[in-house]
Amino acid sequence: MPIQLEIGDEIVTSMKIPPPEAKRELTRELALALYARWALSMGNARRMTGLTKREFLNELAYRGIKRHYTTQDLSEDIAYAQSGE
């Protein structure tokens, strides 16, 4: 079920973002904010932004958002590396 947000014209025109870029920028801001709050996984946040994994990681670093990386993630990465795949 897709969700659509409605942002009034007066708000869009008052932003310091060119109107043609507003939707993309607002979507990116929302995805990064949700990721920072642990409300969205990296994969879903990255897909929402339309960025590559490298671009997404660079954006996190630029904004000072820490990457979510748990002990379980580390264990899975080690297991994957040891499997030789």
PDB file of N, CA and C in Angstrom:
ATOM      1  N   MET A   1       0.844  -1.173   0.000  1.00  0.00           N
ATOM      2  CA  MET A   1       0.000   0.000   0.000  1.00  0.00           C
ATOM      3  C   MET A   1       0.898   1.248   0.000  1.00  0.00           C
ATOM      4  N   PRO A   2       1.009   1.916  -1.108  1.00  0.00           N
ATOM      5  CA  PRO A   2       1.822   3.135  -1.163  1.00  0.00           C
ATOM      6  C   PRO A   2       1.209   4.252  -0.324  1.00  0.00           C
ATOM      7  N   ILE A   3       2.073   5.083   0.219  1.00  0.00           N
ATOM      8  CA  ILE A   3       1.632   6.251   0.981  1.00  0.00           C
ATOM      9  C   ILE A   3       2.037   7.491   0.202  1.00  0.00           C
ATOM     10  N   GLN A   4       1.126   8.415   0.073  1.00  0.00           N
ATOM     11  CA  GLN A   4       1.417   9.680  -0.581  1.00  0.00           C
ATOM     12  C   GLN A   4       1.313  10.792   0.446  1.00  0.00           C
ATOM     13  N   LEU A   5       2.317  11.640   0.467  1.00  0.00           N
ATOM     14  CA  LEU A   5       2.290  12.806   1.342  1.00  0.00           C
ATOM     15  C   LEU A   5       1.890  14.014   0.516  1.00  0.00           C
ATOM     16  N   GLU A   6       1.076  14.847   1.107  1.00  0.00           N
ATOM     17  CA  GLU A   6       0.674  16.062   0.414  1.00  0.00           C
ATOM     18  C   GLU A   6       1.336  17.252   1.090  1.00  0.00           C
ATOM     19  N   ILE A   7       2.104  17.988   0.309  1.00  0.00           N
ATOM     20  CA  ILE A   7       2.776  19.186   0.813  1.00  0.00           C
ATOM     21  C   ILE A   7       2.252  20.347  -0.015  1.00  0.00           C
ATOM     22  N   GLY A   8       1.674  21.299   0.655  1.00  0.00           N
ATOM     23  CA  GLY A   8       1.033  22.419  -0.034  1.00  0.00           C
ATOM     24  C   GLY A   8       2.000  23.241  -0.875  1.00  0.00           C
ATOM     25  N   ASP A   9       1.450  23.853  -1.908  1.00  0.00           N
ATOM     26  CA  ASP A   9       2.246  24.685  -2.819  1.00  0.00           C
ATOM     27  C   ASP A   9       2.996  25.786  -2.085  1.00  0.00           C
ATOM     28  N   GLU A  10       2.357  26.377  -1.074  1.00  0.00           N
ATOM     29  CA  GLU A  10       3.007  27.481  -0.363  1.00  0.00           C
ATOM     30  C   GLU A  10       4.269  27.006   0.359  1.00  0.00           C
ATOM     31  N   ILE A  11       4.263  25.776   0.831  1.00  0.00           N
ATOM     32  CA  ILE A  11       5.460  25.238   1.492  1.00  0.00           C
ATOM     33  C   ILE A  11       6.521  24.893   0.459  1.00  0.00           C
ATOM     34  N   VAL A  12       6.102  24.258  -0.614  1.00  0.00           N
ATOM     35  CA  VAL A  12       7.058  23.887  -1.666  1.00  0.00           C
ATOM     36  C   VAL A  12       7.744  25.122  -2.241  1.00  0.00           C
ATOM     37  N   THR A  13       6.975  26.169  -2.489  1.00  0.00           N
ATOM     38  CA  THR A  13       7.575  27.374  -3.064  1.00  0.00           C
ATOM     39  C   THR A  13       8.432  28.132  -2.059  1.00  0.00           C
ATOM     40  N   SER A  14       8.186  27.916  -0.760  1.00  0.00           N
ATOM     41  CA  SER A  14       8.999  28.609   0.240  1.00  0.00           C
ATOM     42  C   SER A  14      10.317  27.897   0.536  1.00  0.00           C
ATOM     43  N   MET A  15      10.450  26.658   0.079  1.00  0.00           N
ATOM     44  CA  MET A  15      11.694  25.912   0.308  1.00  0.00           C
ATOM     45  C   MET A  15      12.802  26.479  -0.565  1.00  0.00           C
ATOM     46  N   LYS A  16      13.999  26.326  -0.093  1.00  0.00           N
ATOM     47  CA  LYS A  16      15.161  26.778  -0.867  1.00  0.00           C
ATOM     48  C   LYS A  16      15.672  25.644  -1.746  1.00  0.00           C
ATOM     49  N   ILE A  17      14.720  24.940  -2.348  1.00  0.00           N
ATOM     50  CA  ILE A  17      15.012  23.840  -3.271  1.00  0.00           C
ATOM     51  C   ILE A  17      14.230  24.128  -4.545  1.00  0.00           C
ATOM     52  N   PRO A  18      14.885  24.081  -5.705  1.00  0.00           N
ATOM     53  CA  PRO A  18      14.150  24.304  -6.954  1.00  0.00           C
ATOM     54  C   PRO A  18      12.992  23.312  -7.076  1.00  0.00           C
ATOM     55  N   PRO A  19      11.805  23.786  -7.434  1.00  0.00           N
ATOM     56  CA  PRO A  19      10.630  22.906  -7.519  1.00  0.00           C
ATOM     57  C   PRO A  19      10.850  21.599  -8.282  1.00  0.00           C
ATOM     58  N   PRO A  20      11.596  21.593  -9.398  1.00  0.00           N
ATOM     59  CA  PRO A  20      11.778  20.308 -10.084  1.00  0.00           C
ATOM     60  C   PRO A  20      12.546  19.277  -9.243  1.00  0.00           C
ATOM     61  N   GLU A  21      13.326  19.735  -8.278  1.00  0.00           N
ATOM     62  CA  GLU A  21      14.124  18.833  -7.441  1.00  0.00           C
ATOM     63  C   GLU A  21      13.458  18.534  -6.099  1.00  0.00           C
ATOM     64  N   ALA A  22      12.364  19.188  -5.793  1.00  0.00           N
ATOM     65  CA  ALA A  22      11.747  19.107  -4.462  1.00  0.00           C
ATOM     66  C   ALA A  22      11.340  17.686  -4.084  1.00  0.00           C
ATOM     67  N   LYS A  23      10.667  16.959  -4.960  1.00  0.00           N
ATOM     68  CA  LYS A  23      10.199  15.615  -4.623  1.00  0.00           C
ATOM     69  C   LYS A  23      11.379  14.703  -4.306  1.00  0.00           C
ATOM     70  N   ARG A  24      12.394  14.727  -5.149  1.00  0.00           N
ATOM     71  CA  ARG A  24      13.570  13.878  -4.942  1.00  0.00           C
ATOM     72  C   ARG A  24      14.274  14.226  -3.628  1.00  0.00           C
ATOM     73  N   GLU A  25      14.446  15.522  -3.372  1.00  0.00           N
ATOM     74  CA  GLU A  25      15.137  15.956  -2.157  1.00  0.00           C
ATOM     75  C   GLU A  25      14.342  15.628  -0.897  1.00  0.00           C
ATOM     76  N   LEU A  26      13.033  15.822  -0.937  1.00  0.00           N
ATOM     77  CA  LEU A  26      12.199  15.501   0.218  1.00  0.00           C
ATOM     78  C   LEU A  26      12.172  14.000   0.491  1.00  0.00           C
ATOM     79  N   THR A  27      12.119  13.209  -0.559  1.00  0.00           N
ATOM     80  CA  THR A  27      12.154  11.757  -0.406  1.00  0.00           C
ATOM     81  C   THR A  27      13.484  11.328   0.199  1.00  0.00           C
ATOM     82  N   ARG A  28      14.582  11.913  -0.268  1.00  0.00           N
ATOM     83  CA  ARG A  28      15.912  11.598   0.260  1.00  0.00           C
ATOM     84  C   ARG A  28      16.006  11.981   1.740  1.00  0.00           C
ATOM     85  N   GLU A  29      15.515  13.171   2.082  1.00  0.00           N
ATOM     86  CA  GLU A  29      15.557  13.620   3.478  1.00  0.00           C
ATOM     87  C   GLU A  29      14.765  12.687   4.378  1.00  0.00           C
ATOM     88  N   LEU A  30      13.594  12.274   3.916  1.00  0.00           N
ATOM     89  CA  LEU A  30      12.754  11.377   4.704  1.00  0.00           C
ATOM     90  C   LEU A  30      13.447  10.033   4.894  1.00  0.00           C
ATOM     91  N   ALA A  31      13.989   9.479   3.843  1.00  0.00           N
ATOM     92  CA  ALA A  31      14.663   8.182   3.927  1.00  0.00           C
ATOM     93  C   ALA A  31      15.843   8.239   4.891  1.00  0.00           C
ATOM     94  N   LEU A  32      16.644   9.279   4.807  1.00  0.00           N
ATOM     95  CA  LEU A  32      17.800   9.399   5.693  1.00  0.00           C
ATOM     96  C   LEU A  32      17.377   9.614   7.143  1.00  0.00           C
ATOM     97  N   ALA A  33      16.335  10.393   7.358  1.00  0.00           N
ATOM     98  CA  ALA A  33      15.842  10.621   8.721  1.00  0.00           C
ATOM     99  C   ALA A  33      15.299   9.325   9.326  1.00  0.00           C
ATOM    100  N   LEU A  34      14.569   8.559   8.542  1.00  0.00           N
ATOM    101  CA  LEU A  34      14.031   7.293   9.038  1.00  0.00           C
ATOM    102  C   LEU A  34      15.150   6.292   9.306  1.00  0.00           C
ATOM    103  N   TYR A  35      16.163   6.283   8.453  1.00  0.00           N
ATOM    104  CA  TYR A  35      17.309   5.406   8.685  1.00  0.00           C
ATOM    105  C   TYR A  35      18.026   5.813   9.978  1.00  0.00           C
ATOM    106  N   ALA A  36      18.240   7.091  10.168  1.00  0.00           N
ATOM    107  CA  ALA A  36      18.935   7.580  11.366  1.00  0.00           C
ATOM    108  C   ALA A  36      18.183   7.200  12.642  1.00  0.00           C
ATOM    109  N   ARG A  37      16.875   7.106  12.566  1.00  0.00           N
ATOM    110  CA  ARG A  37      16.043   6.737  13.723  1.00  0.00           C
ATOM    111  C   ARG A  37      15.881   5.231  13.880  1.00  0.00           C
ATOM    112  N   TRP A  38      16.553   4.447  13.040  1.00  0.00           N
ATOM    113  CA  TRP A  38      16.450   2.984  13.022  1.00  0.00           C
ATOM    114  C   TRP A  38      15.040   2.529  12.622  1.00  0.00           C
ATOM    115  N   ALA A  39      14.291   3.371  11.932  1.00  0.00           N
ATOM    116  CA  ALA A  39      12.938   3.031  11.509  1.00  0.00           C
ATOM    117  C   ALA A  39      12.920   2.417  10.118  1.00  0.00           C
ATOM    118  N   LEU A  40      14.067   2.456   9.420  1.00  0.00           N
ATOM    119  CA  LEU A  40      14.158   1.946   8.055  1.00  0.00           C
ATOM    120  C   LEU A  40      15.514   1.301   7.887  1.00  0.00           C
ATOM    121  N   SER A  41      15.553   0.149   7.243  1.00  0.00           N
ATOM    122  CA  SER A  41      16.821  -0.537   7.015  1.00  0.00           C
ATOM    123  C   SER A  41      17.644   0.226   5.985  1.00  0.00           C
ATOM    124  N   MET A  42      18.942  -0.097   5.942  1.00  0.00           N
ATOM    125  CA  MET A  42      19.794   0.558   4.958  1.00  0.00           C
ATOM    126  C   MET A  42      19.327   0.256   3.534  1.00  0.00           C
ATOM    127  N   GLY A  43      19.005  -0.988   3.263  1.00  0.00           N
ATOM    128  CA  GLY A  43      18.571  -1.359   1.913  1.00  0.00           C
ATOM    129  C   GLY A  43      17.335  -0.595   1.474  1.00  0.00           C
ATOM    130  N   ASN A  44      16.343  -0.528   2.347  1.00  0.00           N
ATOM    131  CA  ASN A  44      15.116   0.185   1.993  1.00  0.00           C
ATOM    132  C   ASN A  44      15.340   1.689   1.913  1.00  0.00           C
ATOM    133  N   ALA A  45      16.129   2.230   2.827  1.00  0.00           N
ATOM    134  CA  ALA A  45      16.414   3.666   2.777  1.00  0.00           C
ATOM    135  C   ALA A  45      17.188   4.000   1.502  1.00  0.00           C
ATOM    136  N   ARG A  46      18.146   3.153   1.161  1.00  0.00           N
ATOM    137  CA  ARG A  46      18.942   3.386  -0.042  1.00  0.00           C
ATOM    138  C   ARG A  46      18.056   3.328  -1.290  1.00  0.00           C
ATOM    139  N   ARG A  47      17.186   2.322  -1.355  1.00  0.00           N
ATOM    140  CA  ARG A  47      16.268   2.230  -2.507  1.00  0.00           C
ATOM    141  C   ARG A  47      15.358   3.451  -2.581  1.00  0.00           C
ATOM    142  N   MET A  48      14.912   3.904  -1.426  1.00  0.00           N
ATOM    143  CA  MET A  48      14.021   5.071  -1.392  1.00  0.00           C
ATOM    144  C   MET A  48      14.736   6.314  -1.926  1.00  0.00           C
ATOM    145  N   THR A  49      16.027   6.441  -1.624  1.00  0.00           N
ATOM    146  CA  THR A  49      16.780   7.611  -2.089  1.00  0.00           C
ATOM    147  C   THR A  49      17.162   7.519  -3.552  1.00  0.00           C
ATOM    148  N   GLY A  50      17.238   6.285  -4.066  1.00  0.00           N
ATOM    149  CA  GLY A  50      17.683   6.108  -5.443  1.00  0.00           C
ATOM    150  C   GLY A  50      19.193   6.185  -5.590  1.00  0.00           C
ATOM    151  N   LEU A  51      19.918   6.153  -4.477  1.00  0.00           N
ATOM    152  CA  LEU A  51      21.376   6.228  -4.507  1.00  0.00           C
ATOM    153  C   LEU A  51      21.975   4.829  -4.597  1.00  0.00           C
ATOM    154  N   THR A  52      23.198   4.752  -5.101  1.00  0.00           N
ATOM    155  CA  THR A  52      23.925   3.492  -5.051  1.00  0.00           C
ATOM    156  C   THR A  52      24.345   3.266  -3.602  1.00  0.00           C
ATOM    157  N   LYS A  53      24.821   2.055  -3.296  1.00  0.00           N
ATOM    158  CA  LYS A  53      25.254   1.778  -1.926  1.00  0.00           C
ATOM    159  C   LYS A  53      26.400   2.707  -1.540  1.00  0.00           C
ATOM    160  N   ARG A  54      27.361   2.885  -2.425  1.00  0.00           N
ATOM    161  CA  ARG A  54      28.495   3.773  -2.138  1.00  0.00           C
ATOM    162  C   ARG A  54      28.024   5.209  -1.912  1.00  0.00           C
ATOM    163  N   GLU A  55      27.126   5.699  -2.779  1.00  0.00           N
ATOM    164  CA  GLU A  55      26.604   7.057  -2.617  1.00  0.00           C
ATOM    165  C   GLU A  55      25.859   7.209  -1.295  1.00  0.00           C
ATOM    166  N   PHE A  56      25.079   6.179  -0.943  1.00  0.00           N
ATOM    167  CA  PHE A  56      24.320   6.226   0.302  1.00  0.00           C
ATOM    168  C   PHE A  56      25.261   6.280   1.501  1.00  0.00           C
ATOM    169  N   LEU A  57      26.290   5.436   1.498  1.00  0.00           N
ATOM    170  CA  LEU A  57      27.256   5.441   2.600  1.00  0.00           C
ATOM    171  C   LEU A  57      27.984   6.775   2.683  1.00  0.00           C
ATOM    172  N   ASN A  58      28.317   7.358   1.534  1.00  0.00           N
ATOM    173  CA  ASN A  58      28.955   8.678   1.521  1.00  0.00           C
ATOM    174  C   ASN A  58      28.020   9.742   2.103  1.00  0.00           C
ATOM    175  N   GLU A  59      26.747   9.644   1.778  1.00  0.00           N
ATOM    176  CA  GLU A  59      25.761  10.610   2.298  1.00  0.00           C
ATOM    177  C   GLU A  59      25.619  10.463   3.813  1.00  0.00           C
ATOM    178  N   LEU A  60      25.609   9.231   4.294  1.00  0.00           N
ATOM    179  CA  LEU A  60      25.563   9.018   5.743  1.00  0.00           C
ATOM    180  C   LEU A  60      26.762   9.670   6.416  1.00  0.00           C
ATOM    181  N   ALA A  61      27.948   9.431   5.858  1.00  0.00           N
ATOM    182  CA  ALA A  61      29.176   9.998   6.430  1.00  0.00           C
ATOM    183  C   ALA A  61      29.129  11.520   6.405  1.00  0.00           C
ATOM    184  N   TYR A  62      28.710  12.084   5.287  1.00  0.00           N
ATOM    185  CA  TYR A  62      28.633  13.543   5.136  1.00  0.00           C
ATOM    186  C   TYR A  62      27.730  14.163   6.198  1.00  0.00           C
ATOM    187  N   ARG A  63      26.629  13.471   6.498  1.00  0.00           N
ATOM    188  CA  ARG A  63      25.651  13.990   7.465  1.00  0.00           C
ATOM    189  C   ARG A  63      25.945  13.571   8.903  1.00  0.00           C
ATOM    190  N   GLY A  64      26.971  12.753   9.087  1.00  0.00           N
ATOM    191  CA  GLY A  64      27.315  12.301  10.430  1.00  0.00           C
ATOM    192  C   GLY A  64      26.336  11.278  10.990  1.00  0.00           C
ATOM    193  N   ILE A  65      25.664  10.545  10.100  1.00  0.00           N
ATOM    194  CA  ILE A  65      24.728   9.498  10.522  1.00  0.00           C
ATOM    195  C   ILE A  65      25.516   8.200  10.605  1.00  0.00           C
ATOM    196  N   LYS A  66      25.482   7.584  11.769  1.00  0.00           N
ATOM    197  CA  LYS A  66      26.218   6.339  11.956  1.00  0.00           C
ATOM    198  C   LYS A  66      25.521   5.190  11.251  1.00  0.00           C
ATOM    199  N   ARG A  67      26.342   4.354  10.622  1.00  0.00           N
ATOM    200  CA  ARG A  67      25.818   3.177   9.942  1.00  0.00           C
ATOM    201  C   ARG A  67      25.348   2.174  10.978  1.00  0.00           C
ATOM    202  N   HIS A  68      24.211   1.569  10.730  1.00  0.00           N
ATOM    203  CA  HIS A  68      23.692   0.539  11.614  1.00  0.00           C
ATOM    204  C   HIS A  68      24.471  -0.735  11.335  1.00  0.00           C
ATOM    205  N   TYR A  69      25.230  -1.166  12.280  1.00  0.00           N
ATOM    206  CA  TYR A  69      26.023  -2.374  12.098  1.00  0.00           C
ATOM    207  C   TYR A  69      26.095  -3.073  13.447  1.00  0.00           C
ATOM    208  N   THR A  70      25.383  -4.166  13.560  1.00  0.00           N
ATOM    209  CA  THR A  70      25.278  -4.873  14.826  1.00  0.00           C
ATOM    210  C   THR A  70      26.262  -6.034  14.886  1.00  0.00           C
ATOM    211  N   THR A  71      26.370  -6.614  16.046  1.00  0.00           N
ATOM    212  CA  THR A  71      27.209  -7.798  16.221  1.00  0.00           C
ATOM    213  C   THR A  71      26.717  -8.926  15.318  1.00  0.00           C
ATOM    214  N   GLN A  72      25.417  -9.041  15.158  1.00  0.00           N
ATOM    215  CA  GLN A  72      24.860 -10.066  14.267  1.00  0.00           C
ATOM    216  C   GLN A  72      25.284  -9.797  12.821  1.00  0.00           C
ATOM    217  N   ASP A  73      25.279  -8.535  12.396  1.00  0.00           N
ATOM    218  CA  ASP A  73      25.731  -8.194  11.046  1.00  0.00           C
ATOM    219  C   ASP A  73      27.181  -8.631  10.850  1.00  0.00           C
ATOM    220  N   LEU A  74      28.023  -8.371  11.849  1.00  0.00           N
ATOM    221  CA  LEU A  74      29.423  -8.756  11.771  1.00  0.00           C
ATOM    222  C   LEU A  74      29.560 -10.269  11.650  1.00  0.00           C
ATOM    223  N   SER A  75      28.814 -10.997  12.461  1.00  0.00           N
ATOM    224  CA  SER A  75      28.859 -12.465  12.403  1.00  0.00           C
ATOM    225  C   SER A  75      28.448 -12.971  11.029  1.00  0.00           C
ATOM    226  N   GLU A  76      27.410 -12.387  10.463  1.00  0.00           N
ATOM    227  CA  GLU A  76      26.949 -12.792   9.129  1.00  0.00           C
ATOM    228  C   GLU A  76      27.992 -12.466   8.075  1.00  0.00           C
ATOM    229  N   ASP A  77      28.628 -11.307   8.183  1.00  0.00           N
ATOM    230  CA  ASP A  77      29.671 -10.940   7.231  1.00  0.00           C
ATOM    231  C   ASP A  77      30.866 -11.881   7.311  1.00  0.00           C
ATOM    232  N   ILE A  78      31.259 -12.243   8.521  1.00  0.00           N
ATOM    233  CA  ILE A  78      32.380 -13.169   8.700  1.00  0.00           C
ATOM    234  C   ILE A  78      32.033 -14.541   8.126  1.00  0.00           C
ATOM    235  N   ALA A  79      30.821 -15.028   8.407  1.00  0.00           N
ATOM    236  CA  ALA A  79      30.384 -16.322   7.887  1.00  0.00           C
ATOM    237  C   ALA A  79      30.366 -16.298   6.370  1.00  0.00           C
ATOM    238  N   TYR A  80      29.898 -15.210   5.796  1.00  0.00           N
ATOM    239  CA  TYR A  80      29.835 -15.098   4.334  1.00  0.00           C
ATOM    240  C   TYR A  80      31.251 -15.095   3.751  1.00  0.00           C
ATOM    241  N   ALA A  81      32.152 -14.341   4.374  1.00  0.00           N
ATOM    242  CA  ALA A  81      33.517 -14.283   3.879  1.00  0.00           C
ATOM    243  C   ALA A  81      34.213 -15.636   3.988  1.00  0.00           C
ATOM    244  N   GLN A  82      33.929 -16.380   5.024  1.00  0.00           N
ATOM    245  CA  GLN A  82      34.543 -17.676   5.224  1.00  0.00           C
ATOM    246  C   GLN A  82      33.957 -18.743   4.305  1.00  0.00           C
ATOM    247  N   SER A  83      32.752 -18.507   3.788  1.00  0.00           N
ATOM    248  CA  SER A  83      32.108 -19.502   2.912  1.00  0.00           C
ATOM    249  C   SER A  83      32.727 -19.511   1.522  1.00  0.00           C
ATOM    250  N   GLY A  84      33.472 -18.471   1.196  1.00  0.00           N
ATOM    251  CA  GLY A  84      34.128 -18.411  -0.108  1.00  0.00           C
ATOM    252  C   GLY A  84      33.229 -18.009  -1.248  1.00  0.00           C
ATOM    253  N   GLU A  85      32.036 -17.531  -0.959  1.00  0.00           N
ATOM    254  CA  GLU A  85      31.120 -17.107  -2.031  1.00  0.00           C
ATOM    255  C   GLU A  85      31.469 -15.745  -2.538  1.00  0.00           C
TER     256      GLU A  85
END
